[in-house]
Amino acid sequence: MRLLKLVFIAALIVGLGVFCYDRLPKTYRYEIEDWYAGLGEPAFIESPDSFSKRPQDDLIREYKNRGHKLTCYGNLQKEERIVAQNDYLCSAHINKAYDGIPARLVTFFFTKGELSDVRIEFPSSSFKKLQSYLSRKLADRQRLDTLPQYNFGTDNMGGKLMVWAVPNGLLITSDSEVPGDITVLHWTNRIVLDKRRAP
């Protein structure tokens, strides 16, 4: 009888949790999902200004050796690519990045067998911590978005993009937080810049 009571109480708690979870605002649900997906996953430690073109097989082997559970596939759909040339990607859940900043996902994009882009996703609650880390880490790197001859446009929500020149490409993120949405840090090996003359 005691066991039956425990089972009933456990089922009641689970049922109540599911009921409450479905009624939470999306922001909180995403935060819970990110936390759950990252449980037991390793932190992402590669410095954002150290990315470079690398052979696809070498990178996959290295990250698997670090304990990351990579999901990899080719035949990418248009919406899965950053640029039309991307032909393969690998992604992995992560629990933290850099200075212990809560993070959710890293995706590596490849073009013709070489790393061409890296996209690291953070929950919106990590925005200020990421901005603080980048301002320290990239203090000696040139901010291209502050120069009048360049126009990098905006992110999906209309926020201004922050762009740093790093040794093997560009680092890009948004300068404003969108509550409930992810924050993205993107490295690309493309250094084609949209030069616009200042008026």
C-alpha atoms as a PDB file:
ATOM      1  CA  MET A   1       0.000   0.000   0.000  1.00  0.00           C
ATOM      2  CA  ARG A   2       2.864   2.368   0.839  1.00  0.00           C
ATOM      3  CA  LEU A   3       4.470   1.700  -2.574  1.00  0.00           C
ATOM      4  CA  LEU A   4       1.173   2.412  -4.300  1.00  0.00           C
ATOM      5  CA  LYS A   5       0.953   5.778  -2.495  1.00  0.00           C
ATOM      6  CA  LEU A   6       4.516   6.685  -3.578  1.00  0.00           C
ATOM      7  CA  VAL A   7       3.742   5.769  -7.199  1.00  0.00           C
ATOM      8  CA  PHE A   8       0.540   7.827  -7.068  1.00  0.00           C
ATOM      9  CA  ILE A   9       2.354  10.862  -5.574  1.00  0.00           C
ATOM     10  CA  ALA A  10       5.160  10.594  -8.170  1.00  0.00           C
ATOM     11  CA  ALA A  11       2.610  10.385 -11.017  1.00  0.00           C
ATOM     12  CA  LEU A  12       0.760  13.372  -9.562  1.00  0.00           C
ATOM     13  CA  ILE A  13       3.957  15.443  -9.365  1.00  0.00           C
ATOM     14  CA  VAL A  14       4.923  14.545 -12.952  1.00  0.00           C
ATOM     15  CA  GLY A  15       1.407  15.318 -14.213  1.00  0.00           C
ATOM     16  CA  LEU A  16       1.366  18.655 -12.395  1.00  0.00           C
ATOM     17  CA  GLY A  17       4.837  19.484 -13.776  1.00  0.00           C
ATOM     18  CA  VAL A  18       3.740  18.767 -17.363  1.00  0.00           C
ATOM     19  CA  PHE A  19       0.525  20.764 -16.854  1.00  0.00           C
ATOM     20  CA  CYS A  20       2.445  23.782 -15.495  1.00  0.00           C
ATOM     21  CA  TYR A  21       5.245  23.484 -18.101  1.00  0.00           C
ATOM     22  CA  ASP A  22       2.757  23.739 -20.995  1.00  0.00           C
ATOM     23  CA  ARG A  23       1.428  27.006 -19.551  1.00  0.00           C
ATOM     24  CA  LEU A  24       4.798  28.676 -19.020  1.00  0.00           C
ATOM     25  CA  PRO A  25       5.768  31.574 -21.317  1.00  0.00           C
ATOM     26  CA  LYS A  26       7.966  30.448 -24.220  1.00  0.00           C
ATOM     27  CA  THR A  27      10.985  32.207 -22.718  1.00  0.00           C
ATOM     28  CA  TYR A  28      10.949  29.993 -19.640  1.00  0.00           C
ATOM     29  CA  ARG A  29      10.181  26.822 -21.611  1.00  0.00           C
ATOM     30  CA  TYR A  30      13.193  27.450 -23.874  1.00  0.00           C
ATOM     31  CA  GLU A  31      15.411  28.055 -20.849  1.00  0.00           C
ATOM     32  CA  ILE A  32      14.272  24.746 -19.287  1.00  0.00           C
ATOM     33  CA  GLU A  33      14.746  22.863 -22.581  1.00  0.00           C
ATOM     34  CA  ASP A  34      18.244  24.325 -23.011  1.00  0.00           C
ATOM     35  CA  TRP A  35      19.163  23.392 -19.447  1.00  0.00           C
ATOM     36  CA  TYR A  36      17.859  19.835 -19.892  1.00  0.00           C
ATOM     37  CA  ALA A  37      19.556  19.296 -23.284  1.00  0.00           C
ATOM     38  CA  GLY A  38      22.883  20.488 -21.883  1.00  0.00           C
ATOM     39  CA  LEU A  39      22.858  18.219 -18.827  1.00  0.00           C
ATOM     40  CA  GLY A  40      26.053  16.192 -18.815  1.00  0.00           C
ATOM     41  CA  GLU A  41      27.327  17.820 -22.001  1.00  0.00           C
ATOM     42  CA  PRO A  42      30.866  19.260 -22.026  1.00  0.00           C
ATOM     43  CA  ALA A  43      31.574  22.979 -22.108  1.00  0.00           C
ATOM     44  CA  PHE A  44      32.703  24.612 -25.344  1.00  0.00           C
ATOM     45  CA  ILE A  45      36.224  25.910 -24.789  1.00  0.00           C
ATOM     46  CA  GLU A  46      37.686  26.906 -28.164  1.00  0.00           C
ATOM     47  CA  SER A  47      38.411  30.639 -28.172  1.00  0.00           C
ATOM     48  CA  PRO A  48      36.183  32.566 -30.605  1.00  0.00           C
ATOM     49  CA  ASP A  49      39.156  34.324 -32.216  1.00  0.00           C
ATOM     50  CA  SER A  50      41.053  31.091 -32.862  1.00  0.00           C
ATOM     51  CA  PHE A  51      38.717  29.463 -35.410  1.00  0.00           C
ATOM     52  CA  SER A  52      40.269  28.727 -38.783  1.00  0.00           C
ATOM     53  CA  LYS A  53      39.731  26.625 -41.885  1.00  0.00           C
ATOM     54  CA  ARG A  54      40.314  23.019 -40.849  1.00  0.00           C
ATOM     55  CA  PRO A  55      39.683  19.662 -42.491  1.00  0.00           C
ATOM     56  CA  GLN A  56      36.196  18.369 -41.708  1.00  0.00           C
ATOM     57  CA  ASP A  57      37.350  14.910 -40.546  1.00  0.00           C
ATOM     58  CA  ASP A  58      39.985  16.369 -38.193  1.00  0.00           C
ATOM     59  CA  LEU A  59      37.501  18.684 -36.494  1.00  0.00           C
ATOM     60  CA  ILE A  60      34.875  15.943 -36.070  1.00  0.00           C
ATOM     61  CA  ARG A  61      37.465  13.593 -34.571  1.00  0.00           C
ATOM     62  CA  GLU A  62      38.764  16.285 -32.201  1.00  0.00           C
ATOM     63  CA  TYR A  63      35.345  17.230 -30.840  1.00  0.00           C
ATOM     64  CA  LYS A  64      34.270  13.613 -30.421  1.00  0.00           C
ATOM     65  CA  ASN A  65      37.479  13.044 -28.441  1.00  0.00           C
ATOM     66  CA  ARG A  66      36.508  15.994 -26.228  1.00  0.00           C
ATOM     67  CA  GLY A  67      33.241  14.235 -25.406  1.00  0.00           C
ATOM     68  CA  HIS A  68      30.845  16.164 -27.660  1.00  0.00           C
ATOM     69  CA  LYS A  69      27.973  14.142 -29.145  1.00  0.00           C
ATOM     70  CA  LEU A  70      27.962  15.433 -32.708  1.00  0.00           C
ATOM     71  CA  THR A  71      25.030  15.047 -35.071  1.00  0.00           C
ATOM     72  CA  CYS A  72      26.367  15.357 -38.633  1.00  0.00           C
ATOM     73  CA  TYR A  73      24.748  15.256 -42.059  1.00  0.00           C
ATOM     74  CA  GLY A  74      24.997  16.555 -45.621  1.00  0.00           C
ATOM     75  CA  ASN A  75      22.442  17.328 -48.367  1.00  0.00           C
ATOM     76  CA  LEU A  76      21.561  20.533 -46.549  1.00  0.00           C
ATOM     77  CA  GLN A  77      18.324  22.325 -47.260  1.00  0.00           C
ATOM     78  CA  LYS A  78      18.498  26.033 -48.095  1.00  0.00           C
ATOM     79  CA  GLU A  79      17.351  27.055 -44.597  1.00  0.00           C
ATOM     80  CA  GLU A  80      20.039  24.884 -42.974  1.00  0.00           C
ATOM     81  CA  ARG A  81      22.925  26.729 -44.650  1.00  0.00           C
ATOM     82  CA  ILE A  82      24.611  29.965 -43.745  1.00  0.00           C
ATOM     83  CA  VAL A  83      25.841  30.388 -47.326  1.00  0.00           C
ATOM     84  CA  ALA A  84      24.865  28.498 -50.449  1.00  0.00           C
ATOM     85  CA  GLN A  85      28.235  26.718 -50.552  1.00  0.00           C
ATOM     86  CA  ASN A  86      27.760  24.927 -47.183  1.00  0.00           C
ATOM     87  CA  ASP A  87      27.416  21.216 -47.938  1.00  0.00           C
ATOM     88  CA  TYR A  88      27.752  19.547 -44.519  1.00  0.00           C
ATOM     89  CA  LEU A  89      27.152  20.409 -40.872  1.00  0.00           C
ATOM     90  CA  CYS A  90      27.704  18.993 -37.395  1.00  0.00           C
ATOM     91  CA  SER A  91      25.985  20.206 -34.239  1.00  0.00           C
ATOM     92  CA  ALA A  92      26.261  19.379 -30.545  1.00  0.00           C
ATOM     93  CA  HIS A  93      24.495  20.468 -27.378  1.00  0.00           C
ATOM     94  CA  ILE A  94      26.769  22.275 -24.928  1.00  0.00           C
ATOM     95  CA  ASN A  95      26.105  23.408 -21.379  1.00  0.00           C
ATOM     96  CA  LYS A  96      28.558  26.310 -21.099  1.00  0.00           C
ATOM     97  CA  ALA A  97      31.028  28.268 -23.187  1.00  0.00           C
ATOM     98  CA  TYR A  98      34.096  30.344 -22.399  1.00  0.00           C
ATOM     99  CA  ASP A  99      33.874  31.894 -18.891  1.00  0.00           C
ATOM    100  CA  GLY A 100      31.150  29.522 -17.726  1.00  0.00           C
ATOM    101  CA  ILE A 101      28.482  31.312 -19.783  1.00  0.00           C
ATOM    102  CA  PRO A 102      25.348  29.145 -20.115  1.00  0.00           C
ATOM    103  CA  ALA A 103      25.142  28.006 -23.754  1.00  0.00           C
ATOM    104  CA  ARG A 104      22.917  25.668 -25.730  1.00  0.00           C
ATOM    105  CA  LEU A 105      24.283  24.565 -29.105  1.00  0.00           C
ATOM    106  CA  VAL A 106      27.321  24.747 -31.370  1.00  0.00           C
ATOM    107  CA  THR A 107      27.046  24.098 -35.114  1.00  0.00           C
ATOM    108  CA  PHE A 108      29.996  23.662 -37.462  1.00  0.00           C
ATOM    109  CA  PHE A 109      29.393  24.326 -41.165  1.00  0.00           C
ATOM    110  CA  PHE A 110      31.664  22.854 -43.827  1.00  0.00           C
ATOM    111  CA  THR A 111      32.283  23.679 -47.465  1.00  0.00           C
ATOM    112  CA  LYS A 112      34.148  21.190 -49.657  1.00  0.00           C
ATOM    113  CA  GLY A 113      35.581  19.340 -46.655  1.00  0.00           C
ATOM    114  CA  GLU A 114      36.753  22.408 -44.708  1.00  0.00           C
ATOM    115  CA  LEU A 115      35.318  24.361 -41.793  1.00  0.00           C
ATOM    116  CA  SER A 116      33.829  27.607 -43.063  1.00  0.00           C
ATOM    117  CA  ASP A 117      31.438  28.815 -40.335  1.00  0.00           C
ATOM    118  CA  VAL A 118      30.769  28.219 -36.623  1.00  0.00           C
ATOM    119  CA  ARG A 119      27.502  29.221 -34.957  1.00  0.00           C
ATOM    120  CA  ILE A 120      27.242  29.170 -31.150  1.00  0.00           C
ATOM    121  CA  GLU A 121      23.803  29.658 -29.599  1.00  0.00           C
ATOM    122  CA  PHE A 122      23.209  31.026 -26.112  1.00  0.00           C
ATOM    123  CA  PRO A 123      19.922  31.464 -24.248  1.00  0.00           C
ATOM    124  CA  SER A 124      18.768  35.083 -24.113  1.00  0.00           C
ATOM    125  CA  SER A 125      19.657  35.181 -20.412  1.00  0.00           C
ATOM    126  CA  SER A 126      23.356  34.856 -21.395  1.00  0.00           C
ATOM    127  CA  PHE A 127      23.389  38.018 -23.528  1.00  0.00           C
ATOM    128  CA  LYS A 128      25.034  40.353 -20.983  1.00  0.00           C
ATOM    129  CA  LYS A 129      27.604  37.765 -19.897  1.00  0.00           C
ATOM    130  CA  LEU A 130      28.552  37.101 -23.527  1.00  0.00           C
ATOM    131  CA  GLN A 131      28.859  40.827 -24.269  1.00  0.00           C
ATOM    132  CA  SER A 132      31.092  41.277 -21.225  1.00  0.00           C
ATOM    133  CA  TYR A 133      33.294  38.332 -22.243  1.00  0.00           C
ATOM    134  CA  LEU A 134      33.639  39.540 -25.846  1.00  0.00           C
ATOM    135  CA  SER A 135      34.510  43.096 -24.804  1.00  0.00           C
ATOM    136  CA  ARG A 136      37.399  41.717 -22.710  1.00  0.00           C
ATOM    137  CA  LYS A 137      38.504  38.921 -25.023  1.00  0.00           C
ATOM    138  CA  LEU A 138      38.412  41.007 -28.205  1.00  0.00           C
ATOM    139  CA  ALA A 139      39.584  44.313 -26.726  1.00  0.00           C
ATOM    140  CA  ASP A 140      42.640  44.314 -29.025  1.00  0.00           C
ATOM    141  CA  ARG A 141      40.686  43.295 -32.144  1.00  0.00           C
ATOM    142  CA  GLN A 142      39.302  45.865 -34.558  1.00  0.00           C
ATOM    143  CA  ARG A 143      35.532  46.460 -34.461  1.00  0.00           C
ATOM    144  CA  LEU A 144      34.674  46.847 -38.130  1.00  0.00           C
ATOM    145  CA  ASP A 145      31.052  47.849 -37.558  1.00  0.00           C
ATOM    146  CA  THR A 146      32.245  51.115 -35.969  1.00  0.00           C
ATOM    147  CA  LEU A 147      34.061  52.164 -39.148  1.00  0.00           C
ATOM    148  CA  PRO A 148      32.050  54.349 -41.544  1.00  0.00           C
ATOM    149  CA  GLN A 149      33.183  52.517 -44.687  1.00  0.00           C
ATOM    150  CA  TYR A 150      31.420  49.266 -43.709  1.00  0.00           C
ATOM    151  CA  ASN A 151      27.735  48.433 -43.533  1.00  0.00           C
ATOM    152  CA  PHE A 152      26.903  45.014 -42.100  1.00  0.00           C
ATOM    153  CA  GLY A 153      23.157  45.465 -41.880  1.00  0.00           C
ATOM    154  CA  THR A 154      21.083  44.082 -39.023  1.00  0.00           C
ATOM    155  CA  ASP A 155      20.124  40.794 -37.423  1.00  0.00           C
ATOM    156  CA  ASN A 156      16.721  39.114 -37.971  1.00  0.00           C
ATOM    157  CA  MET A 157      15.092  41.359 -35.364  1.00  0.00           C
ATOM    158  CA  GLY A 158      16.548  44.612 -36.703  1.00  0.00           C
ATOM    159  CA  GLY A 159      19.366  44.887 -34.134  1.00  0.00           C
ATOM    160  CA  LYS A 160      22.734  46.290 -35.194  1.00  0.00           C
ATOM    161  CA  LEU A 161      25.505  43.744 -35.806  1.00  0.00           C
ATOM    162  CA  MET A 162      28.832  43.895 -33.994  1.00  0.00           C
ATOM    163  CA  VAL A 163      31.696  42.649 -36.202  1.00  0.00           C
ATOM    164  CA  TRP A 164      35.316  42.000 -35.235  1.00  0.00           C
ATOM    165  CA  ALA A 165      38.217  41.192 -37.560  1.00  0.00           C
ATOM    166  CA  VAL A 166      40.010  38.127 -36.163  1.00  0.00           C
ATOM    167  CA  PRO A 167      43.067  36.357 -37.613  1.00  0.00           C
ATOM    168  CA  ASN A 168      41.137  33.932 -39.832  1.00  0.00           C
ATOM    169  CA  GLY A 169      37.846  35.656 -40.549  1.00  0.00           C
ATOM    170  CA  LEU A 170      35.102  37.651 -38.862  1.00  0.00           C
ATOM    171  CA  LEU A 171      33.212  37.278 -35.561  1.00  0.00           C
ATOM    172  CA  ILE A 172      29.637  38.536 -35.601  1.00  0.00           C
ATOM    173  CA  THR A 173      26.934  38.964 -32.962  1.00  0.00           C
ATOM    174  CA  SER A 174      24.021  41.267 -32.248  1.00  0.00           C
ATOM    175  CA  ASP A 175      24.408  44.366 -30.093  1.00  0.00           C
ATOM    176  CA  SER A 176      20.941  44.026 -28.547  1.00  0.00           C
ATOM    177  CA  GLU A 177      19.124  41.371 -26.570  1.00  0.00           C
ATOM    178  CA  VAL A 178      15.773  39.991 -27.691  1.00  0.00           C
ATOM    179  CA  PRO A 179      14.109  38.570 -24.559  1.00  0.00           C
ATOM    180  CA  GLY A 180      13.036  34.989 -25.125  1.00  0.00           C
ATOM    181  CA  ASP A 181      15.140  34.590 -28.264  1.00  0.00           C
ATOM    182  CA  ILE A 182      18.580  33.042 -28.611  1.00  0.00           C
ATOM    183  CA  THR A 183      21.802  35.036 -28.781  1.00  0.00           C
ATOM    184  CA  VAL A 184      24.138  33.922 -31.573  1.00  0.00           C
ATOM    185  CA  LEU A 185      27.897  34.265 -31.954  1.00  0.00           C
ATOM    186  CA  HIS A 186      28.977  33.516 -35.527  1.00  0.00           C
ATOM    187  CA  TRP A 187      32.454  33.022 -36.948  1.00  0.00           C
ATOM    188  CA  THR A 188      32.962  32.989 -40.694  1.00  0.00           C
ATOM    189  CA  ASN A 189      36.117  32.551 -42.735  1.00  0.00           C
ATOM    190  CA  ARG A 190      34.729  34.870 -45.425  1.00  0.00           C
ATOM    191  CA  ILE A 191      36.373  38.282 -45.368  1.00  0.00           C
ATOM    192  CA  VAL A 192      34.354  39.835 -48.175  1.00  0.00           C
ATOM    193  CA  LEU A 193      33.222  43.170 -46.768  1.00  0.00           C
ATOM    194  CA  ASP A 194      30.539  45.521 -48.022  1.00  0.00           C
ATOM    195  CA  LYS A 195      32.523  48.735 -48.372  1.00  0.00           C
ATOM    196  CA  ARG A 196      30.479  51.906 -48.410  1.00  0.00           C
ATOM    197  CA  ARG A 197      31.984  55.367 -48.631  1.00  0.00           C
ATOM    198  CA  ALA A 198      31.172  57.597 -45.719  1.00  0.00           C
ATOM    199  CA  PRO A 199      29.136  60.681 -46.835  1.00  0.00           C
END
